[in-house]
Each structure stands twice: as C-alpha cells, then as structure tokens.
Amino acid sequence: MTLTAAAPARARTIGRALIPLGLVFLAVGLSTALVLPFLSLFLSTEVHAGPVKVTVFLVAAPLAGVLASSLVGRLSDRRPIRRWILFGAALAGVAGTAATAVVRDYWVLLGLAVTATALANALFPQTFAYARQVLERDSPGRAAIGISALRTVFSLAWVAGPPIGAFVLDFGGFRLVYGLAAVMYALAALIAVLGLENVAAPAPAAEPAAGPAAAPAPAARGVLLLTAVGFVLLQVPMTLGVQALPLFVDRDLHRSASDAGVILGLCAALEIPIMLGLGALTTRFRLRTLVLAGGACGVAYYAAALVTPNIWVLGAAQVVNALFIAAVSGVGISYMQDLLPGEPGRATTMFANTFPIGAVVAGPLLGVAAQVGYRSAYGMATALCGAGLLLLILAHPAGRRR
C-alpha cells in the first residue's frame, strides 16, 4: 500500500474507533450533566437532608470517586481489560442512578454514592485512557488532537444536559431525571460491549537509556506530584468562579441572575471551538507551552474579574476564560498522559481527580467570600491560578527523553 493510500485507511480506522468513543462520552456527559447541577436541590427537597448532611454528602461523594478512580486506574494499566472496565463502570452508573430514582433514605443514598456512583466516576478517565491507546496505535502524531476533540463532546453534553435536566425535572420530577441518567449509562455500557474493540495492555515505559533515539521515560515522582498539585490549584478557581459568579453579579455589579446565566453560557459556547483549535495547535506547539499559556490566561481572567467595573468587561473577558479552561481541561489531559507513557489509565485518572479535589477546596473558599465580599473570590482565584502556574513551571520534565 502506498503512503497516499495508507493515510485515508488510517483515518477510517481512527474514525471507526473514535465515533463509538464519542457516543460513550456523550452518554456519560449527559448522565452526569442531568443530575449533578440539581444534586443539592434533590438532597434538600426530596431527601429532606439538613445543611450538615448535604455538606457531608457533597464532600464524601467526590472523595470516594477519587479513591475508586485511582484504584481502577492502576488496575487498568496492568491487563488488557479496559473495555470491560468501561462496561463495568457504566453498569455501576446504571445501578446507582436507577436506585436513586426510587430510594429516598439518606444513608442508603450515601452508601450508593461512595460505592456504585464512585465506580461510575472511573468512566471519564478510563474512556480517555482507551482513546489514548487507540490513537497511539493508529496515529501517534495526532493523539492530542483526538483527545481534545473527544473532550469537546463532553463539553457539548454539559451545554445541553442542565437545560434538559431542568425541563425533565419540571415535567416528571427527580424520578424521571435519574431514570433518564440510568438510560444514558446503559447506552454507554451497550456501546462499550458492541462498539469498542479490545486493546492490549499498555506497553511499559522504557527505562532511561543513552542516546537521542531513547524512548520516552516516565517523569520523576516529584515532577508528577508538582504537576498534579499545580492542576488542582488551577481547577479550584474554575469551580470557585462559577459558584461565585451569580452572587458577584447580583451583589457587586448590581445586575440580574439572568445576566450571570448569559455570561456562563457565553463561556461554554466559546470553549468548544477554542478547545478544537488548541487541539489542532498541538501538532505545532509543545503541549507544555499550551498548558502554561492557558494558566497565564487564567491569571489574566481572574485578575480582570477582580477589578471589573461592570458586566460588559466581564463578558468580554470570557474569551480569555475560555482559553484558560480549554487549555487546562483539554490539552492538560494529553500533557499528563505524556508524563506517564505506558500508564494512560493512571495518568488520566491523576488528571481527572484534580477536578473533584479542586471542587472540595472551592467550597470553604466560597464561604470566606460570603463573609468578606464576593469580589474577593476572584482575588483568591487569581492567587491560586498564579500558584498553580508557578508549580507547573517548576515541574519541568527536563530529564525525559523523546
């Protein structure tokens, strides 16, 4: 086969692999986007949980997800079982959401959250790990583009999911919302079984060797730790900024909550094309350069929000905010995967866990902002972004061979 004929053949092979993966991402994204925005409301109104119980639930559930995803991530890199992990995690999601549709006992729901739902959280990183293996096998030079494209599918699901969830909630209540989420998880399980192929266990990373042709070696443990903490510090402002925005717009900028909704929608709409554009740039620029540039955009955005005099400046700054989110959430996955060649499950899980950890940290900071003024939330976000960017700069994987 000639080189010109081989390229379309590779494209068809990649397409056959990424289309079902994209459907899995869409189903998983919709299942989470349907229920997570309304979780506090569900616990307060349907379960009649008080503030303390709601807080315990909102802290315990993501931490259990971090633990479960970490354990699954390590297991997934040792055996050729990633497809079946996707299937099992999707079934756990079916069990958790289907049971939540009918159960109203707080302690039973908490038990489901730290078991079945926690296992379902492994779907997000494991699907990215599966995609990384397929792309590295079929088109190594375009792996980062493929990962960014799949990440946009998840973003699309979160653009559509909350409005759909709100409509379904008004129409049929929480039973229908969680029932629909269970259907989405079941669809993901079906695609994993029928639409995905088995992939071999990842090849172990090469030991450091001399010479320019040496294979990539995994980053040092200190580099991995600094990188993970750096991403956590960048993730905290994302959650804190979204949580504080409606209150900041209302109390400090003296505009309506609907204006805050427009700002959030504008940012979400900008993220998708920017994420695709950054994915295309990964063939020309180093992933590290794009991630650091994204971190700098985060510092610039939150500093602008801190001093903004009106809603219009905040709206214009969403371009910079979208660049920050797209670089960290999209390119950051591939960057972390590059630091651990041969362990895509562990690498993707390390990155994915930075978001729930960041969300847990953001909660108390929002409480501080409620006491001293919501504009201060953006001061804290600016400092956190700056600290995260500094850690990523210090965590230079200089010793790795390419």
Protein backbone atom coordinates (compact mmCIF):
# COMPACT_ATOMS: atom_id res chain seq x y z
CA MET A 1 0.00 0.00 0.00
CA THR A 2 1.34 3.45 -0.91
CA LEU A 3 1.71 6.24 1.60
CA THR A 4 -1.12 8.22 -0.01
CA ALA A 5 -3.44 5.24 0.25
CA ALA A 6 -2.35 4.46 3.80
CA ALA A 7 -3.37 7.86 5.18
CA PRO A 8 -7.09 7.54 4.31
CA ALA A 9 -7.03 3.97 5.58
CA ARG A 10 -5.64 5.16 8.92
CA ALA A 11 -8.25 7.93 9.04
CA ARG A 12 -11.04 5.39 8.51
CA THR A 13 -9.60 3.17 11.24
CA ILE A 14 -9.36 6.08 13.68
CA GLY A 15 -12.86 7.21 12.76
CA ARG A 16 -14.30 3.76 13.44
CA ALA A 17 -12.70 3.84 16.88
CA LEU A 18 -13.47 7.44 17.83
CA ILE A 19 -17.13 7.53 16.74
CA PRO A 20 -18.28 4.97 19.33
CA LEU A 21 -15.97 6.59 21.89
CA GLY A 22 -17.59 9.93 21.13
CA LEU A 23 -21.00 8.36 21.75
CA VAL A 24 -19.76 6.99 25.07
CA PHE A 25 -18.55 10.48 26.05
CA LEU A 26 -21.88 11.97 25.01
CA ALA A 27 -23.84 9.43 27.05
CA VAL A 28 -21.61 9.75 30.12
CA GLY A 29 -21.56 13.54 29.87
CA LEU A 30 -25.35 13.72 29.62
CA SER A 31 -25.82 11.30 32.53
CA THR A 32 -23.71 13.47 34.83
CA ALA A 33 -24.96 16.80 33.48
CA LEU A 34 -28.55 15.73 34.08
CA VAL A 35 -28.12 15.13 37.81
CA LEU A 36 -25.09 16.96 39.25
CA PRO A 37 -26.42 20.54 38.88
CA PHE A 38 -29.53 19.54 40.85
CA LEU A 39 -27.90 17.31 43.48
CA SER A 40 -28.15 19.83 46.33
CA LEU A 41 -31.78 20.52 45.44
CA PHE A 42 -32.50 16.79 45.36
CA LEU A 43 -30.97 16.22 48.78
CA SER A 44 -32.75 19.19 50.32
CA THR A 45 -36.24 18.76 48.86
CA GLU A 46 -36.62 15.05 48.11
CA VAL A 47 -34.47 13.52 50.86
CA HIS A 48 -35.09 16.36 53.37
CA ALA A 49 -31.42 16.40 54.37
CA GLY A 50 -30.25 19.30 56.50
CA PRO A 51 -27.23 21.51 55.69
CA VAL A 52 -24.78 19.28 57.59
CA LYS A 53 -25.94 16.11 55.83
CA VAL A 54 -25.87 17.85 52.46
CA THR A 55 -22.30 19.03 53.12
CA VAL A 56 -21.20 15.55 54.19
CA PHE A 57 -22.71 14.07 51.04
CA LEU A 58 -21.13 16.67 48.74
CA VAL A 59 -17.69 16.05 50.27
CA ALA A 60 -17.86 12.25 50.68
CA ALA A 61 -19.14 11.51 47.18
CA PRO A 62 -16.32 13.17 45.18
CA LEU A 63 -13.62 11.91 47.55
CA ALA A 64 -14.93 8.35 47.18
CA GLY A 65 -14.89 8.88 43.42
CA VAL A 66 -11.24 9.97 43.57
CA LEU A 67 -10.30 6.83 45.53
CA ALA A 68 -12.26 4.46 43.28
CA SER A 69 -10.92 6.04 40.07
CA SER A 70 -7.34 5.84 41.38
CA LEU A 71 -7.63 2.14 42.20
CA VAL A 72 -9.27 1.35 38.87
CA GLY A 73 -6.67 3.45 37.05
CA ARG A 74 -3.78 1.43 38.41
CA LEU A 75 -5.52 -1.87 37.68
CA SER A 76 -6.42 -0.87 34.12
CA ASP A 77 -2.79 -0.45 33.03
CA ARG A 78 -1.77 -3.96 34.06
CA ARG A 79 -4.13 -6.12 31.96
CA PRO A 80 -5.96 -5.82 28.62
CA ILE A 81 -9.30 -5.20 30.35
CA ARG A 82 -10.00 -1.51 29.72
CA ARG A 83 -13.04 -2.20 27.54
CA TRP A 84 -14.57 -4.34 30.28
CA ILE A 85 -13.73 -1.69 32.87
CA LEU A 86 -15.76 0.77 30.80
CA PHE A 87 -18.61 -1.73 30.70
CA GLY A 88 -18.46 -2.40 34.44
CA ALA A 89 -18.25 1.28 35.35
CA ALA A 90 -21.24 2.04 33.14
CA LEU A 91 -23.24 -0.74 34.82
CA ALA A 92 -22.31 0.73 38.20
CA GLY A 93 -23.70 4.03 36.94
CA VAL A 94 -26.92 2.30 35.90
CA ALA A 95 -27.25 0.74 39.35
CA GLY A 96 -26.53 3.99 41.19
CA THR A 97 -28.86 6.25 39.21
CA ALA A 98 -31.67 3.70 38.90
CA ALA A 99 -31.64 3.12 42.65
CA THR A 100 -31.52 6.86 43.33
CA ALA A 101 -34.64 7.28 41.20
CA VAL A 102 -36.68 5.41 43.83
CA VAL A 103 -34.72 5.49 47.11
CA ARG A 104 -35.20 8.43 49.49
CA ASP A 105 -33.30 7.25 52.55
CA TYR A 106 -30.26 9.49 53.11
CA TRP A 107 -27.93 6.78 54.41
CA VAL A 108 -28.76 4.36 51.59
CA LEU A 109 -28.14 7.12 49.05
CA LEU A 110 -24.83 7.99 50.72
CA GLY A 111 -23.86 4.32 50.52
CA LEU A 112 -24.70 4.28 46.81
CA ALA A 113 -22.69 7.48 46.27
CA VAL A 114 -19.49 6.08 47.80
CA THR A 115 -19.79 2.69 46.02
CA ALA A 116 -21.73 2.44 42.75
CA THR A 117 -21.55 6.12 41.81
CA ALA A 118 -17.89 6.30 42.83
CA LEU A 119 -17.09 3.38 40.50
CA ALA A 120 -19.06 5.07 37.71
CA ASN A 121 -16.71 8.06 38.05
CA ALA A 122 -13.96 5.90 36.55
CA LEU A 123 -15.74 6.09 33.17
CA PHE A 124 -14.40 9.57 32.41
CA PRO A 125 -10.66 8.90 32.83
CA GLN A 126 -10.85 5.34 31.53
CA THR A 127 -12.52 6.41 28.29
CA PHE A 128 -9.74 8.95 27.74
CA ALA A 129 -7.16 6.26 28.52
CA TYR A 130 -8.78 3.91 25.99
CA ALA A 131 -8.78 6.71 23.40
CA ARG A 132 -5.10 7.41 24.07
CA GLN A 133 -4.18 3.77 23.43
CA VAL A 134 -6.15 3.64 20.18
CA LEU A 135 -4.71 6.92 18.93
CA GLU A 136 -1.14 5.99 19.88
CA ARG A 137 -1.58 2.73 17.99
CA ASP A 138 -3.17 4.14 14.83
CA SER A 139 -1.95 7.76 14.60
CA PRO A 140 0.56 8.73 17.30
CA GLY A 141 1.20 12.20 15.91
CA ARG A 142 -2.47 13.16 16.22
CA ALA A 143 -3.21 11.75 19.67
CA ALA A 144 -3.56 15.16 21.32
CA ILE A 145 -5.96 16.36 18.60
CA GLY A 146 -8.15 13.29 19.12
CA ILE A 147 -8.19 13.75 22.88
CA SER A 148 -9.17 17.42 22.53
CA ALA A 149 -11.93 16.52 20.08
CA LEU A 150 -13.36 13.94 22.48
CA ARG A 151 -13.16 16.45 25.33
CA THR A 152 -15.35 18.83 23.33
CA VAL A 153 -18.03 16.13 23.10
CA PHE A 154 -18.12 16.05 26.90
CA SER A 155 -18.39 19.85 26.92
CA LEU A 156 -21.28 19.69 24.46
CA ALA A 157 -23.07 17.28 26.76
CA TRP A 158 -22.69 19.78 29.61
CA VAL A 159 -24.05 22.59 27.44
CA ALA A 160 -27.20 20.56 26.68
CA GLY A 161 -27.52 18.47 29.86
CA PRO A 162 -28.56 21.05 32.51
CA PRO A 163 -31.36 22.61 30.40
CA ILE A 164 -32.64 19.13 29.53
CA GLY A 165 -32.43 18.16 33.20
CA ALA A 166 -34.38 21.26 34.23
CA PHE A 167 -37.11 20.50 31.67
CA VAL A 168 -37.34 16.85 32.70
CA LEU A 169 -37.41 17.87 36.38
CA ASP A 170 -40.37 20.17 35.78
CA PHE A 171 -42.13 17.52 33.71
CA GLY A 172 -41.58 14.35 35.73
CA GLY A 173 -39.61 15.14 38.87
CA PHE A 174 -36.40 13.56 40.13
CA ARG A 175 -37.58 10.02 39.40
CA LEU A 176 -37.59 10.81 35.69
CA VAL A 177 -34.30 12.75 35.87
CA TYR A 178 -32.42 9.85 37.48
CA GLY A 179 -34.23 7.35 35.28
CA LEU A 180 -33.03 9.17 32.18
CA ALA A 181 -29.49 9.26 33.59
CA ALA A 182 -29.68 5.48 34.09
CA VAL A 183 -30.69 5.08 30.43
CA MET A 184 -27.64 7.12 29.39
CA TYR A 185 -25.34 4.90 31.45
CA ALA A 186 -26.98 1.81 29.94
CA LEU A 187 -26.34 3.21 26.46
CA ALA A 188 -22.67 3.71 27.36
CA ALA A 189 -22.45 0.09 28.58
CA LEU A 190 -24.05 -1.16 25.36
CA ILE A 191 -21.63 0.81 23.18
CA ALA A 192 -18.66 -0.46 25.21
CA VAL A 193 -19.69 -4.06 24.55
CA LEU A 194 -20.82 -3.78 20.94
CA GLY A 195 -18.91 -0.80 19.55
CA LEU A 196 -15.44 -0.99 21.10
CA GLU A 197 -12.67 -3.47 20.45
CA ASN A 198 -10.32 -4.99 22.99
CA VAL A 199 -7.00 -3.20 23.28
CA ALA A 200 -3.79 -4.71 24.55
CA ALA A 201 -2.35 -3.76 27.92
CA PRO A 202 -0.21 -0.61 27.57
CA ALA A 203 3.43 -1.25 26.82
CA PRO A 204 5.57 -0.50 29.88
CA ALA A 205 7.54 2.73 29.74
CA ALA A 206 11.14 2.39 28.66
CA GLU A 207 13.89 2.59 31.21
CA PRO A 208 16.13 5.63 30.81
CA ALA A 209 18.73 4.92 28.19
CA ALA A 210 21.52 6.82 26.50
CA GLY A 211 21.31 8.21 23.01
CA PRO A 212 19.00 10.55 21.13
CA ALA A 213 16.70 7.73 19.98
CA ALA A 214 15.85 6.59 23.51
CA ALA A 215 12.16 6.06 24.16
CA PRO A 216 10.27 8.41 26.48
CA ALA A 217 10.81 7.67 30.15
CA PRO A 218 8.19 8.43 32.79
CA ALA A 219 8.56 11.72 34.63
CA ALA A 220 10.12 11.70 38.07
CA ARG A 221 7.79 11.29 41.03
CA GLY A 222 8.44 14.85 42.18
CA VAL A 223 7.53 16.21 38.75
CA LEU A 224 4.29 14.21 38.78
CA LEU A 225 3.39 15.43 42.26
CA LEU A 226 4.08 19.09 41.45
CA THR A 227 2.14 18.79 38.20
CA ALA A 228 -0.87 17.21 39.90
CA VAL A 229 -0.90 19.85 42.66
CA GLY A 230 -0.48 22.56 40.02
CA PHE A 231 -3.53 21.30 38.15
CA VAL A 232 -5.53 21.16 41.40
CA LEU A 233 -4.67 24.81 42.07
CA LEU A 234 -5.83 25.67 38.54
CA GLN A 235 -9.05 23.67 38.95
CA VAL A 236 -10.11 25.34 42.21
CA PRO A 237 -10.71 28.75 40.55
CA MET A 238 -12.86 27.15 37.84
CA THR A 239 -15.34 25.89 40.44
CA LEU A 240 -15.00 28.90 42.73
CA GLY A 241 -15.50 31.36 39.88
CA VAL A 242 -18.66 29.63 38.64
CA GLN A 243 -20.13 29.30 42.15
CA ALA A 244 -19.43 32.94 42.99
CA LEU A 245 -20.48 34.44 39.66
CA PRO A 246 -24.27 34.77 40.18
CA LEU A 247 -23.76 36.29 43.63
CA PHE A 248 -20.96 38.56 42.40
CA VAL A 249 -23.09 39.79 39.51
CA ASP A 250 -26.04 40.43 41.83
CA ARG A 251 -24.30 41.93 44.87
CA ASP A 252 -21.29 43.74 43.37
CA LEU A 253 -22.21 44.52 39.76
CA HIS A 254 -25.92 45.07 40.56
CA ARG A 255 -27.23 43.05 37.64
CA SER A 256 -29.78 40.23 37.49
CA ALA A 257 -29.10 36.49 37.81
CA SER A 258 -30.09 36.08 34.16
CA ASP A 259 -27.02 38.15 33.21
CA ALA A 260 -24.86 35.66 35.09
CA GLY A 261 -26.51 32.88 33.09
CA VAL A 262 -25.66 34.67 29.85
CA ILE A 263 -22.02 35.02 30.95
CA LEU A 264 -21.76 31.31 31.80
CA GLY A 265 -23.43 30.30 28.55
CA LEU A 266 -21.12 32.55 26.54
CA CYS A 267 -18.05 30.97 28.14
CA ALA A 268 -19.36 27.44 27.48
CA ALA A 269 -20.08 28.30 23.85
CA LEU A 270 -16.56 29.73 23.37
CA GLU A 271 -14.85 26.75 24.99
CA ILE A 272 -15.80 24.27 22.29
CA PRO A 273 -14.25 25.93 19.19
CA ILE A 274 -11.27 27.08 21.24
CA MET A 275 -10.67 23.55 22.52
CA LEU A 276 -10.75 22.22 18.95
CA GLY A 277 -8.40 24.98 17.84
CA LEU A 278 -5.92 24.22 20.62
CA GLY A 279 -6.11 20.55 19.67
CA ALA A 280 -5.02 21.48 16.15
CA LEU A 281 -2.17 23.57 17.57
CA THR A 282 -0.77 20.53 19.39
CA THR A 283 0.84 19.44 16.12
CA ARG A 284 2.84 22.70 16.03
CA PHE A 285 3.47 23.60 19.64
CA ARG A 286 4.57 21.62 22.68
CA LEU A 287 1.76 20.59 24.98
CA ARG A 288 3.61 22.17 27.89
CA THR A 289 3.70 25.54 26.11
CA LEU A 290 -0.06 25.46 25.50
CA VAL A 291 -0.84 24.44 29.09
CA LEU A 292 1.36 27.19 30.55
CA ALA A 293 -0.19 29.74 28.21
CA GLY A 294 -3.61 28.58 29.39
CA GLY A 295 -2.58 29.01 33.02
CA ALA A 296 -1.43 32.55 32.25
CA CYS A 297 -4.84 33.23 30.69
CA GLY A 298 -6.42 32.08 33.95
CA VAL A 299 -4.39 34.58 35.95
CA ALA A 300 -5.34 37.33 33.49
CA TYR A 301 -9.06 36.47 33.54
CA TYR A 302 -9.48 36.32 37.31
CA ALA A 303 -7.43 39.49 37.75
CA ALA A 304 -9.74 41.22 35.25
CA ALA A 305 -12.82 39.92 37.09
CA LEU A 306 -11.38 41.18 40.37
CA VAL A 307 -11.23 44.78 39.14
CA THR A 308 -14.06 44.79 36.59
CA PRO A 309 -16.34 47.82 36.97
CA ASN A 310 -19.30 46.38 35.04
CA ILE A 311 -20.83 43.34 33.40
CA TRP A 312 -19.57 44.26 29.94
CA VAL A 313 -15.91 43.93 30.84
CA LEU A 314 -16.66 40.59 32.48
CA GLY A 315 -18.43 39.41 29.33
CA ALA A 316 -15.55 40.43 27.07
CA ALA A 317 -13.11 38.63 29.37
CA GLN A 318 -14.87 35.31 28.73
CA VAL A 319 -12.69 34.83 25.67
CA VAL A 320 -9.66 34.69 27.97
CA ASN A 321 -11.55 32.50 30.45
CA ALA A 322 -12.49 30.07 27.68
CA LEU A 323 -8.83 29.89 26.59
CA PHE A 324 -7.86 29.06 30.17
CA ILE A 325 -10.48 26.33 30.57
CA ALA A 326 -9.84 24.81 27.13
CA ALA A 327 -6.07 24.65 27.64
CA VAL A 328 -6.21 23.17 31.15
CA SER A 329 -9.20 20.84 30.68
CA GLY A 330 -8.43 19.78 27.11
CA VAL A 331 -4.69 19.88 26.45
CA GLY A 332 -3.95 19.13 30.12
CA ILE A 333 -5.17 15.55 29.70
CA SER A 334 -2.67 14.82 26.92
CA TYR A 335 0.07 16.61 28.83
CA MET A 336 -0.39 14.39 31.88
CA GLN A 337 -0.59 11.29 29.69
CA ASP A 338 2.75 12.22 28.11
CA LEU A 339 4.35 12.31 31.56
CA LEU A 340 3.44 8.65 32.14
CA PRO A 341 3.91 6.77 28.87
CA GLY A 342 2.70 3.21 29.21
CA GLU A 343 0.26 4.12 32.02
CA PRO A 344 -2.61 6.00 30.35
CA GLY A 345 -5.12 4.84 32.96
CA ARG A 346 -3.09 6.09 35.89
CA ALA A 347 -2.14 9.34 34.13
CA THR A 348 -5.67 10.22 33.05
CA THR A 349 -7.04 9.36 36.48
CA MET A 350 -4.47 11.61 38.15
CA PHE A 351 -5.61 14.47 35.95
CA ALA A 352 -9.34 13.74 36.27
CA ASN A 353 -9.07 13.62 40.07
CA THR A 354 -7.80 17.20 40.18
CA PHE A 355 -11.30 18.47 39.40
CA PRO A 356 -13.26 16.91 42.31
CA ILE A 357 -10.40 17.74 44.70
CA GLY A 358 -10.48 21.31 43.45
CA ALA A 359 -14.26 21.41 43.89
CA VAL A 360 -13.94 20.27 47.51
CA VAL A 361 -11.37 23.00 48.20
CA ALA A 362 -13.53 25.64 46.50
CA GLY A 363 -16.44 25.15 48.93
CA PRO A 364 -14.80 26.66 52.03
CA LEU A 365 -13.30 29.48 49.94
CA LEU A 366 -16.79 30.42 48.77
CA GLY A 367 -17.81 30.57 52.42
CA VAL A 368 -14.95 33.00 53.08
CA ALA A 369 -16.06 35.12 50.12
CA ALA A 370 -19.60 35.20 51.53
CA GLN A 371 -18.22 36.83 54.67
CA VAL A 372 -15.86 39.39 53.14
CA GLY A 373 -17.49 40.05 49.74
CA TYR A 374 -17.86 38.01 46.56
CA ARG A 375 -15.34 40.11 44.65
CA SER A 376 -12.73 38.58 46.96
CA ALA A 377 -13.45 35.19 45.40
CA TYR A 378 -11.73 36.41 42.25
CA GLY A 379 -8.79 37.69 44.24
CA MET A 380 -8.36 34.22 45.73
CA ALA A 381 -8.81 32.68 42.26
CA THR A 382 -6.09 34.94 40.83
CA ALA A 383 -3.65 33.90 43.56
CA LEU A 384 -4.49 30.20 43.15
CA CYS A 385 -4.02 30.38 39.37
CA GLY A 386 -0.70 32.11 39.84
CA ALA A 387 0.45 29.46 42.32
CA GLY A 388 -0.69 26.64 40.03
CA LEU A 389 1.10 28.18 37.05
CA LEU A 390 4.28 28.55 39.12
CA LEU A 391 4.18 24.88 40.14
CA LEU A 392 3.74 23.78 36.52
CA ILE A 393 6.72 25.92 35.53
CA LEU A 394 8.82 24.37 38.30
CA ALA A 395 7.66 20.85 37.38
CA HIS A 396 9.68 20.78 34.20
CA PRO A 397 10.16 17.20 32.94
CA ALA A 398 13.66 18.11 31.75
CA GLY A 399 15.07 14.63 32.30
CA ARG A 400 12.65 12.82 29.96
CA ARG A 401 13.95 11.60 26.61
CA ARG A 402 11.85 11.96 23.47
